[in-house]
Amino acid sequence: MLELPFSQALEMIKTGEIRDGKTVLLLNYLQTSHLMD
């Protein structure tokens, strides 16, 4: 498990460093629901 800034995690999805479906789904949900603003 890694702890890192939300913006960095989103960037890691774009670069393919994060590929796990559940993780991608959760991070995208948090971004679209504005829970991490």
C-alpha atoms as a PDB file:
ATOM      1  CA  MET A   1       0.000   0.000   0.000  1.00  0.00           C
ATOM      2  CA  LEU A   2       1.256   3.469  -0.888  1.00  0.00           C
ATOM      3  CA  GLU A   3       0.189   6.813   0.475  1.00  0.00           C
ATOM      4  CA  LEU A   4       0.542   9.628  -2.029  1.00  0.00           C
ATOM      5  CA  PRO A   5      -1.166  12.843  -3.085  1.00  0.00           C
ATOM      6  CA  PHE A   6      -4.488  12.433  -4.884  1.00  0.00           C
ATOM      7  CA  SER A   7      -3.244  14.330  -7.944  1.00  0.00           C
ATOM      8  CA  GLN A   8      -0.249  12.015  -8.215  1.00  0.00           C
ATOM      9  CA  ALA A   9      -2.496   8.945  -8.068  1.00  0.00           C
ATOM     10  CA  LEU A  10      -4.607  10.337 -10.912  1.00  0.00           C
ATOM     11  CA  GLU A  11      -1.459  10.940 -12.945  1.00  0.00           C
ATOM     12  CA  MET A  12      -0.342   7.371 -12.257  1.00  0.00           C
ATOM     13  CA  ILE A  13      -3.594   6.127 -13.804  1.00  0.00           C
ATOM     14  CA  LYS A  14      -2.860   8.151 -16.949  1.00  0.00           C
ATOM     15  CA  THR A  15       0.676   6.761 -17.231  1.00  0.00           C
ATOM     16  CA  GLY A  16      -0.443   3.194 -16.585  1.00  0.00           C
ATOM     17  CA  GLU A  17       1.374   2.829 -13.272  1.00  0.00           C
ATOM     18  CA  ILE A  18      -1.970   2.146 -11.593  1.00  0.00           C
ATOM     19  CA  ARG A  19      -3.936  -0.476 -13.519  1.00  0.00           C
ATOM     20  CA  ASP A  20      -5.969  -2.259 -10.855  1.00  0.00           C
ATOM     21  CA  GLY A  21      -9.623  -1.922 -11.805  1.00  0.00           C
ATOM     22  CA  LYS A  22     -10.982  -1.356  -8.309  1.00  0.00           C
ATOM     23  CA  THR A  23      -8.372   1.291  -7.575  1.00  0.00           C
ATOM     24  CA  VAL A  24      -8.980   3.095 -10.868  1.00  0.00           C
ATOM     25  CA  LEU A  25     -12.737   2.969 -10.305  1.00  0.00           C
ATOM     26  CA  LEU A  26     -12.458   4.372  -6.776  1.00  0.00           C
ATOM     27  CA  LEU A  27     -10.094   7.183  -7.757  1.00  0.00           C
ATOM     28  CA  ASN A  28     -12.271   8.150 -10.722  1.00  0.00           C
ATOM     29  CA  TYR A  29     -15.357   8.108  -8.489  1.00  0.00           C
ATOM     30  CA  LEU A  30     -13.662  10.370  -5.953  1.00  0.00           C
ATOM     31  CA  GLN A  31     -12.607  12.751  -8.716  1.00  0.00           C
ATOM     32  CA  THR A  32     -16.030  12.994 -10.360  1.00  0.00           C
ATOM     33  CA  SER A  33     -17.919  13.310  -7.078  1.00  0.00           C
ATOM     34  CA  HIS A  34     -15.558  16.119  -5.954  1.00  0.00           C
ATOM     35  CA  LEU A  35     -14.986  14.415  -2.591  1.00  0.00           C
ATOM     36  CA  MET A  36     -11.258  15.161  -2.762  1.00  0.00           C
ATOM     37  CA  ASP A  37     -11.561  18.912  -3.468  1.00  0.00           C
END
